Amino acid sequence: MNILLGVLTVLGVFVVGKKFFNEKTGYVAAGLMSGLPLGIYLSNTTESQVVSVLLITVLIPVFKNYLDKETFFWGLGSTLFLSALVMSRTFNWTYLLVFLGLLLYYQTGFREQMKEYIVYGLVFVSTTFISVEQTLSFGFREDGGEISFFGTYFLDHFKLFLGRITGSVFYSVVSVIGLTGVILSKGKEKISLLIIPLLVHTFSMLSYQHTFQNYPMPKFFYFSFTLLLPFVAYALVEAVDYIPYKKVSLAVLVLLTASLTGIGIFEGVNYREETLLERTESATEFFEQEYPDCSLIVSDIRPIDPVIDGRSYMLSHDEKEKEFYRENFGDCIILYMHRYEIKERHETFLEKFEHEKIEVEIPERYGENEEAWFIKTG
């Protein structure tokens, strides 16, 4: 399914390039998108970023059409795609603020269209109420996250981000050319519809606590590089246009696009990191062999549950769960989590059993992935 979504995203990037620049830029952007390493990797996973990126590549040109034509059709379309983007991932609710800000900046005549805005608002609220309610329950966290910007992780993550970029031929070249394209695009009509979401997403993900795990380039920046590619394409098109001979200019453009795309495909195909489900299957196989009588508690039950037929339990912070844990898990419990969650999660887990004086062992890591587990013995 994600392969199909990836193909549709390539088409979406073409539309974005054509809509904001020209048809030639659209073709180059689509070519580069087909070789984006993160896109190649994520097409083999079940990550929600694939859906989010497809939605943003559709939303932006639809929203531009609404600002240009101010018709109810494009307004309702913008509302529905924005609703879908908000619901596709919890941190995406911030794009409501982004697009409202852009609407206030570009739009005029609010009084004349007040009835339409009321309809758009009701449609948005009715389709996103549950998603926004769940997101707001996280609160404004000091350590960065879905809602917080410039959290305590920002500077450290910015350094890591630069390291990941310079460590890749594709991302380093694309970043330099893309920033050049952003500068060259100054003055383009409504270009901030691309630049503002790009900046908001990148800065918010640099603040997000769990952005940097064991990825060569974190999956959260799939969104950023997708929006950057039209600028890369624009810069390339502008550069080769200085060549006086059209055929030579076109040949150079095709060669540059093919070269970058080829490098991206090579990096994407050679990224051998296991998917979350594959890592979970290998880890649970180990648990079954070494600890067949133990119960398994996980911080994220989604990939675990289908692997062991529902014999796992979600780690809960709710104090009401204490009795359930004590009564159902017996003398051996395995707590399975990402290594970056150890500090904040295992202490909560231990508190549930502290009055029982239960010992906790920390076995060696399984393989080379970032998961770890704790075993509670009675």
Protein backbone atom coordinates (compact mmCIF):
# COMPACT_ATOMS: atom_id res chain seq x y z
CA MET A 1 0.00 0.00 0.00
CA ASN A 2 2.79 2.43 0.89
CA ILE A 3 4.39 1.85 -2.50
CA LEU A 4 1.18 3.12 -4.14
CA LEU A 5 1.10 6.09 -1.76
CA GLY A 6 4.73 6.80 -2.66
CA VAL A 7 3.91 6.83 -6.38
CA LEU A 8 1.01 9.21 -5.74
CA THR A 9 3.36 11.45 -3.75
CA VAL A 10 5.69 11.63 -6.77
CA LEU A 11 2.71 12.87 -8.80
CA GLY A 12 1.87 15.31 -6.00
CA VAL A 13 5.40 16.74 -6.06
CA PHE A 14 5.09 17.20 -9.83
CA VAL A 15 1.89 19.21 -9.32
CA VAL A 16 3.54 21.32 -6.61
CA GLY A 17 6.55 22.06 -8.84
CA LYS A 18 4.35 22.94 -11.80
CA LYS A 19 1.90 25.01 -9.74
CA PHE A 20 4.48 27.19 -8.03
CA PHE A 21 7.17 27.32 -10.72
CA ASN A 22 6.70 25.73 -14.16
CA GLU A 23 6.13 22.39 -15.85
CA LYS A 24 9.84 21.69 -16.34
CA THR A 25 10.44 22.20 -12.63
CA GLY A 26 7.58 19.80 -11.89
CA TYR A 27 9.14 17.03 -13.96
CA VAL A 28 12.56 17.49 -12.35
CA ALA A 29 11.03 17.56 -8.85
CA ALA A 30 9.09 14.36 -9.56
CA GLY A 31 12.26 12.69 -10.85
CA LEU A 32 14.15 13.64 -7.70
CA MET A 33 11.25 12.49 -5.52
CA SER A 34 11.40 9.03 -7.07
CA GLY A 35 14.99 8.77 -5.79
CA LEU A 36 14.50 10.24 -2.30
CA PRO A 37 16.16 7.69 0.05
CA LEU A 38 13.61 8.21 2.81
CA GLY A 39 10.78 7.64 0.33
CA ILE A 40 12.37 4.38 -0.86
CA TYR A 41 12.85 3.15 2.70
CA LEU A 42 9.41 4.19 3.98
CA SER A 43 7.67 2.54 1.01
CA ASN A 44 8.59 -0.78 2.65
CA THR A 45 7.15 0.11 6.06
CA THR A 46 3.81 0.97 7.64
CA GLU A 47 4.88 4.40 8.89
CA SER A 48 2.24 7.14 8.95
CA GLN A 49 4.67 9.70 7.51
CA VAL A 50 3.93 8.30 4.04
CA VAL A 51 0.27 9.30 4.31
CA SER A 52 1.06 12.68 5.86
CA VAL A 53 3.49 13.64 3.10
CA LEU A 54 1.05 12.63 0.37
CA LEU A 55 -1.65 14.75 2.01
CA ILE A 56 0.55 17.85 2.26
CA THR A 57 1.58 17.59 -1.41
CA VAL A 58 -2.12 17.60 -2.31
CA LEU A 59 -3.24 20.17 0.26
CA ILE A 60 -0.78 22.90 -0.72
CA PRO A 61 -1.78 23.21 -4.43
CA VAL A 62 -5.47 22.82 -3.52
CA PHE A 63 -5.13 25.61 -0.95
CA LYS A 64 -3.34 27.79 -3.51
CA ASN A 65 -6.24 27.24 -5.92
CA TYR A 66 -8.63 28.40 -3.22
CA LEU A 67 -6.61 31.57 -2.57
CA ASP A 68 -6.49 32.25 -6.31
CA LYS A 69 -10.13 31.50 -7.15
CA GLU A 70 -11.94 31.85 -3.79
CA THR A 71 -14.59 29.29 -4.74
CA PHE A 72 -16.47 27.06 -2.30
CA PHE A 73 -15.24 23.91 -4.07
CA TRP A 74 -11.55 24.63 -3.44
CA GLY A 75 -12.28 25.94 0.04
CA LEU A 76 -14.07 22.76 1.05
CA GLY A 77 -11.32 20.68 -0.56
CA SER A 78 -8.68 22.56 1.42
CA THR A 79 -10.65 21.99 4.62
CA LEU A 80 -11.01 18.25 4.04
CA PHE A 81 -7.35 17.71 3.15
CA LEU A 82 -6.28 19.78 6.17
CA SER A 83 -8.56 17.65 8.35
CA ALA A 84 -7.03 14.47 6.94
CA LEU A 85 -3.52 15.84 7.57
CA VAL A 86 -4.37 16.64 11.18
CA MET A 87 -5.78 13.16 11.74
CA SER A 88 -2.94 11.32 10.01
CA ARG A 89 -0.45 12.09 12.78
CA THR A 90 -0.83 13.77 16.17
CA PHE A 91 1.74 16.57 15.71
CA ASN A 92 0.14 17.62 12.42
CA TRP A 93 -2.59 19.58 14.20
CA THR A 94 -0.15 22.50 14.25
CA TYR A 95 -0.73 22.87 10.52
CA LEU A 96 -4.16 24.24 11.38
CA LEU A 97 -2.35 27.28 12.80
CA VAL A 98 0.01 27.40 9.81
CA PHE A 99 -2.72 27.44 7.18
CA LEU A 100 -4.98 29.76 9.18
CA GLY A 101 -2.07 32.18 9.38
CA LEU A 102 -1.48 31.93 5.64
CA LEU A 103 -5.20 32.41 5.02
CA LEU A 104 -5.25 35.59 7.13
CA TYR A 105 -2.16 36.86 5.32
CA TYR A 106 -3.43 36.33 1.79
CA GLN A 107 -7.20 36.46 2.04
CA THR A 108 -9.40 39.55 1.87
CA GLY A 109 -13.10 40.06 2.13
CA PHE A 110 -13.79 37.91 5.19
CA ARG A 111 -17.14 39.51 5.86
CA GLU A 112 -18.42 38.67 2.40
CA GLN A 113 -17.45 35.02 2.82
CA MET A 114 -18.32 34.61 6.50
CA LYS A 115 -20.99 31.96 5.84
CA GLU A 116 -18.51 29.84 3.89
CA TYR A 117 -15.91 30.12 6.65
CA ILE A 118 -18.48 28.96 9.20
CA VAL A 119 -19.18 25.90 7.05
CA TYR A 120 -15.44 25.20 6.69
CA GLY A 121 -15.01 25.51 10.45
CA LEU A 122 -17.87 23.14 11.22
CA VAL A 123 -16.54 20.58 8.73
CA PHE A 124 -13.06 20.79 10.22
CA VAL A 125 -14.22 20.51 13.84
CA SER A 126 -16.60 17.63 13.12
CA THR A 127 -13.91 15.60 11.32
CA THR A 128 -10.97 16.28 13.68
CA PHE A 129 -12.57 16.62 17.11
CA ILE A 130 -11.35 13.28 18.46
CA SER A 131 -7.85 13.66 17.00
CA VAL A 132 -7.34 17.17 18.42
CA GLU A 133 -8.75 16.16 21.80
CA GLN A 134 -6.28 13.28 22.06
CA THR A 135 -3.36 15.47 20.98
CA LEU A 136 -4.10 18.25 23.45
CA SER A 137 -4.04 15.71 26.27
CA PHE A 138 -0.25 15.54 25.79
CA GLY A 139 0.05 19.16 26.90
CA PHE A 140 2.82 21.63 26.17
CA ARG A 141 5.86 19.59 27.13
CA GLU A 142 9.14 21.20 28.08
CA ASP A 143 11.21 18.51 26.37
CA GLY A 144 9.74 19.17 22.93
CA GLY A 145 7.17 17.11 21.13
CA GLU A 146 4.01 17.24 19.12
CA ILE A 147 3.06 20.71 20.31
CA SER A 148 6.23 22.25 21.69
CA PHE A 149 8.76 24.20 19.60
CA PHE A 150 12.38 24.94 20.46
CA GLY A 151 12.44 22.39 23.26
CA THR A 152 15.50 21.30 25.18
CA TYR A 153 16.47 18.90 22.39
CA PHE A 154 16.61 21.50 19.64
CA LEU A 155 20.30 22.42 19.60
CA ASP A 156 21.51 18.83 20.05
CA HIS A 157 19.18 17.62 17.33
CA PHE A 158 20.24 20.43 15.02
CA LYS A 159 23.85 19.26 15.29
CA LEU A 160 22.78 15.66 14.65
CA PHE A 161 20.70 16.79 11.69
CA LEU A 162 23.68 18.56 10.11
CA GLY A 163 25.77 15.45 10.72
CA ARG A 164 23.23 13.24 8.95
CA ILE A 165 23.08 15.65 6.02
CA THR A 166 26.86 15.89 5.56
CA GLY A 167 27.14 12.12 5.92
CA SER A 168 25.04 11.58 2.80
CA VAL A 169 25.96 12.64 -0.72
CA PHE A 170 22.31 12.93 -1.72
CA TYR A 171 21.12 14.96 1.27
CA SER A 172 24.15 17.25 1.33
CA VAL A 173 23.82 18.14 -2.38
CA VAL A 174 20.03 18.45 -2.20
CA SER A 175 20.20 20.66 0.91
CA VAL A 176 22.65 23.12 -0.65
CA ILE A 177 20.79 23.32 -3.97
CA GLY A 178 17.42 23.45 -2.20
CA LEU A 179 18.42 26.40 -0.01
CA THR A 180 19.68 28.13 -3.14
CA GLY A 181 16.30 27.49 -4.75
CA VAL A 182 14.52 28.99 -1.73
CA ILE A 183 16.58 32.17 -2.12
CA LEU A 184 15.98 32.30 -5.89
CA SER A 185 12.23 31.81 -5.43
CA LYS A 186 11.87 35.14 -3.63
CA GLY A 187 9.07 37.03 -5.31
CA LYS A 188 7.26 33.97 -6.64
CA GLU A 189 3.51 34.18 -6.15
CA LYS A 190 2.40 32.71 -2.80
CA ILE A 191 5.70 30.85 -2.40
CA SER A 192 5.30 31.08 1.38
CA LEU A 193 2.68 28.31 1.06
CA LEU A 194 5.69 26.05 0.53
CA ILE A 195 8.30 27.77 2.68
CA ILE A 196 6.29 28.24 5.89
CA PRO A 197 5.14 24.56 6.25
CA LEU A 198 8.69 23.46 5.40
CA LEU A 199 10.19 25.62 8.17
CA VAL A 200 7.49 24.84 10.74
CA HIS A 201 7.81 21.10 10.27
CA THR A 202 11.62 21.07 10.29
CA PHE A 203 11.96 23.21 13.42
CA SER A 204 9.24 21.31 15.28
CA MET A 205 10.85 17.97 14.48
CA LEU A 206 14.22 19.24 15.69
CA SER A 207 12.47 19.89 19.02
CA TYR A 208 10.72 16.52 19.15
CA GLN A 209 12.23 14.20 21.77
CA HIS A 210 12.11 11.01 19.72
CA THR A 211 13.22 12.34 16.33
CA PHE A 212 16.72 10.87 16.30
CA GLN A 213 16.77 7.12 16.78
CA ASN A 214 18.76 4.70 14.63
CA TYR A 215 17.92 6.07 11.19
CA PRO A 216 20.60 7.39 8.77
CA MET A 217 18.11 10.22 8.21
CA PRO A 218 15.15 10.34 10.64
CA LYS A 219 11.83 9.48 9.04
CA PHE A 220 10.30 12.67 10.44
CA PHE A 221 12.26 14.72 7.89
CA TYR A 222 10.66 12.90 4.96
CA PHE A 223 8.15 15.75 5.02
CA SER A 224 10.91 18.40 4.98
CA PHE A 225 12.88 16.99 2.07
CA THR A 226 9.74 16.38 0.03
CA LEU A 227 8.83 20.07 0.28
CA LEU A 228 12.46 21.02 -0.42
CA LEU A 229 12.67 19.08 -3.71
CA PRO A 230 10.61 21.58 -5.79
CA PHE A 231 13.14 24.24 -4.76
CA VAL A 232 15.99 21.93 -5.75
CA ALA A 233 14.35 21.40 -9.14
CA TYR A 234 13.75 25.13 -9.59
CA ALA A 235 17.40 25.94 -8.85
CA LEU A 236 18.59 23.31 -11.36
CA VAL A 237 16.22 24.57 -14.05
CA GLU A 238 17.31 28.17 -13.47
CA ALA A 239 20.99 27.19 -13.60
CA VAL A 240 20.84 25.30 -16.91
CA ASP A 241 18.72 28.02 -18.51
CA TYR A 242 21.89 30.12 -18.66
CA ILE A 243 23.26 27.68 -21.25
CA PRO A 244 22.50 29.35 -24.62
CA TYR A 245 21.75 26.13 -26.54
CA LYS A 246 18.38 24.64 -25.58
CA LYS A 247 19.26 21.06 -26.48
CA VAL A 248 22.48 21.21 -24.48
CA SER A 249 20.61 22.87 -21.61
CA LEU A 250 17.98 20.12 -21.58
CA ALA A 251 20.63 17.39 -21.78
CA VAL A 252 22.51 18.86 -18.81
CA LEU A 253 19.28 19.15 -16.80
CA VAL A 254 18.37 15.50 -17.51
CA LEU A 255 21.90 14.40 -16.62
CA LEU A 256 21.91 16.30 -13.32
CA THR A 257 18.45 15.02 -12.39
CA ALA A 258 19.32 11.43 -13.30
CA SER A 259 22.60 11.61 -11.39
CA LEU A 260 20.98 12.89 -8.20
CA THR A 261 18.11 10.43 -8.50
CA GLY A 262 20.56 7.56 -9.04
CA ILE A 263 22.58 8.53 -5.97
CA GLY A 264 19.38 8.71 -3.93
CA ILE A 265 18.19 5.30 -5.11
CA PHE A 266 21.59 3.79 -4.31
CA GLU A 267 21.51 5.21 -0.76
CA GLY A 268 17.88 4.20 -0.24
CA VAL A 269 18.32 0.63 -1.48
CA ASN A 270 21.46 0.13 0.60
CA TYR A 271 19.73 1.21 3.77
CA ARG A 272 19.30 -2.17 5.43
CA GLU A 273 17.62 -1.10 8.65
CA GLU A 274 14.91 -3.53 9.70
CA THR A 275 11.36 -2.28 9.88
CA LEU A 276 9.63 -1.95 13.25
CA LEU A 277 7.58 -5.09 12.63
CA GLU A 278 10.66 -7.11 11.61
CA ARG A 279 12.54 -6.02 14.73
CA THR A 280 9.54 -6.86 16.85
CA GLU A 281 9.21 -10.33 15.32
CA SER A 282 12.87 -11.14 15.97
CA ALA A 283 12.71 -9.84 19.53
CA THR A 284 9.50 -11.67 20.41
CA GLU A 285 10.96 -14.87 18.94
CA PHE A 286 13.82 -14.47 21.40
CA PHE A 287 11.35 -13.91 24.24
CA GLU A 288 9.40 -17.04 23.34
CA GLN A 289 12.55 -19.17 23.33
CA GLU A 290 14.27 -17.79 26.41
CA TYR A 291 11.31 -16.76 28.59
CA PRO A 292 8.28 -18.83 27.49
CA ASP A 293 6.43 -18.38 30.78
CA CYS A 294 6.84 -14.64 31.04
CA SER A 295 4.32 -11.93 30.27
CA LEU A 296 5.35 -9.19 27.89
CA ILE A 297 4.64 -5.50 28.52
CA VAL A 298 5.39 -3.02 25.75
CA SER A 299 5.43 0.75 25.44
CA ASP A 300 3.77 0.52 22.02
CA ILE A 301 1.47 -2.46 21.51
CA ARG A 302 0.76 -1.87 17.81
CA PRO A 303 3.59 -3.93 16.26
CA ILE A 304 3.66 -6.47 19.09
CA ASP A 305 0.01 -7.46 19.19
CA PRO A 306 -0.27 -9.13 15.76
CA VAL A 307 3.01 -10.98 16.33
CA ILE A 308 2.05 -12.78 19.53
CA ASP A 309 -1.72 -12.91 19.09
CA GLY A 310 -2.65 -10.42 21.76
CA ARG A 311 -0.60 -11.93 24.59
CA SER A 312 1.06 -8.59 25.27
CA TYR A 313 -0.03 -5.67 27.41
CA MET A 314 0.36 -1.92 27.06
CA LEU A 315 2.51 -0.17 29.66
CA SER A 316 0.22 2.20 31.48
CA HIS A 317 0.89 5.25 33.64
CA ASP A 318 -2.55 4.95 35.21
CA GLU A 319 -2.37 4.09 38.91
CA LYS A 320 -5.63 2.17 38.60
CA GLU A 321 -3.77 -0.44 36.57
CA LYS A 322 -1.62 -1.56 39.52
CA GLU A 323 -3.95 -4.35 40.60
CA PHE A 324 -4.29 -5.57 37.03
CA TYR A 325 -0.52 -5.83 36.65
CA ARG A 326 -0.08 -7.68 39.94
CA GLU A 327 -2.93 -10.12 39.36
CA ASN A 328 -2.27 -11.04 35.73
CA PHE A 329 1.45 -11.06 35.12
CA GLY A 330 2.68 -13.70 37.55
CA ASP A 331 6.32 -13.95 38.59
CA CYS A 332 8.04 -13.01 35.35
CA ILE A 333 7.46 -9.87 33.35
CA ILE A 334 9.40 -8.57 30.37
CA LEU A 335 9.24 -4.86 29.66
CA TYR A 336 10.06 -4.22 25.97
CA MET A 337 10.71 -0.69 24.78
CA HIS A 338 12.86 1.61 22.68
CA ARG A 339 16.18 2.41 24.31
CA TYR A 340 15.41 6.13 24.28
CA GLU A 341 12.36 5.47 26.46
CA ILE A 342 14.22 3.63 29.21
CA LYS A 343 14.82 6.58 31.52
CA GLU A 344 11.26 7.87 31.55
CA ARG A 345 9.35 4.60 31.24
CA HIS A 346 11.05 1.88 33.31
CA GLU A 347 10.97 3.98 36.49
CA THR A 348 7.20 4.28 36.14
CA PHE A 349 6.99 0.54 35.64
CA LEU A 350 9.09 -0.21 38.72
CA GLU A 351 7.01 2.09 40.88
CA LYS A 352 4.06 -0.23 40.34
CA PHE A 353 5.92 -3.01 42.13
CA GLU A 354 8.20 -1.16 44.54
CA HIS A 355 6.26 -2.21 47.62
CA GLU A 356 6.67 -5.88 46.63
CA LYS A 357 10.49 -5.67 46.60
CA ILE A 358 10.72 -7.26 43.17
CA GLU A 359 14.13 -7.55 41.58
CA VAL A 360 14.67 -6.31 38.04
CA GLU A 361 17.32 -7.61 35.69
CA ILE A 362 18.61 -5.84 32.58
CA PRO A 363 19.71 -8.49 30.04
CA GLU A 364 22.00 -7.70 27.13
CA ARG A 365 20.52 -6.05 24.09
CA TYR A 366 19.14 -8.32 21.39
CA GLY A 367 21.13 -7.79 18.19
CA GLU A 368 22.19 -4.29 17.18
CA ASN A 369 18.85 -2.52 17.23
CA GLU A 370 17.74 0.16 19.63
CA GLU A 371 15.31 -1.94 21.66
CA ALA A 372 15.95 -3.02 25.23
CA TRP A 373 14.00 -4.90 27.85
CA PHE A 374 13.78 -5.33 31.57
CA ILE A 375 12.83 -8.57 33.28
CA LYS A 376 10.98 -8.47 36.57
CA THR A 377 11.34 -11.64 38.63
CA GLY A 378 9.26 -12.50 41.66
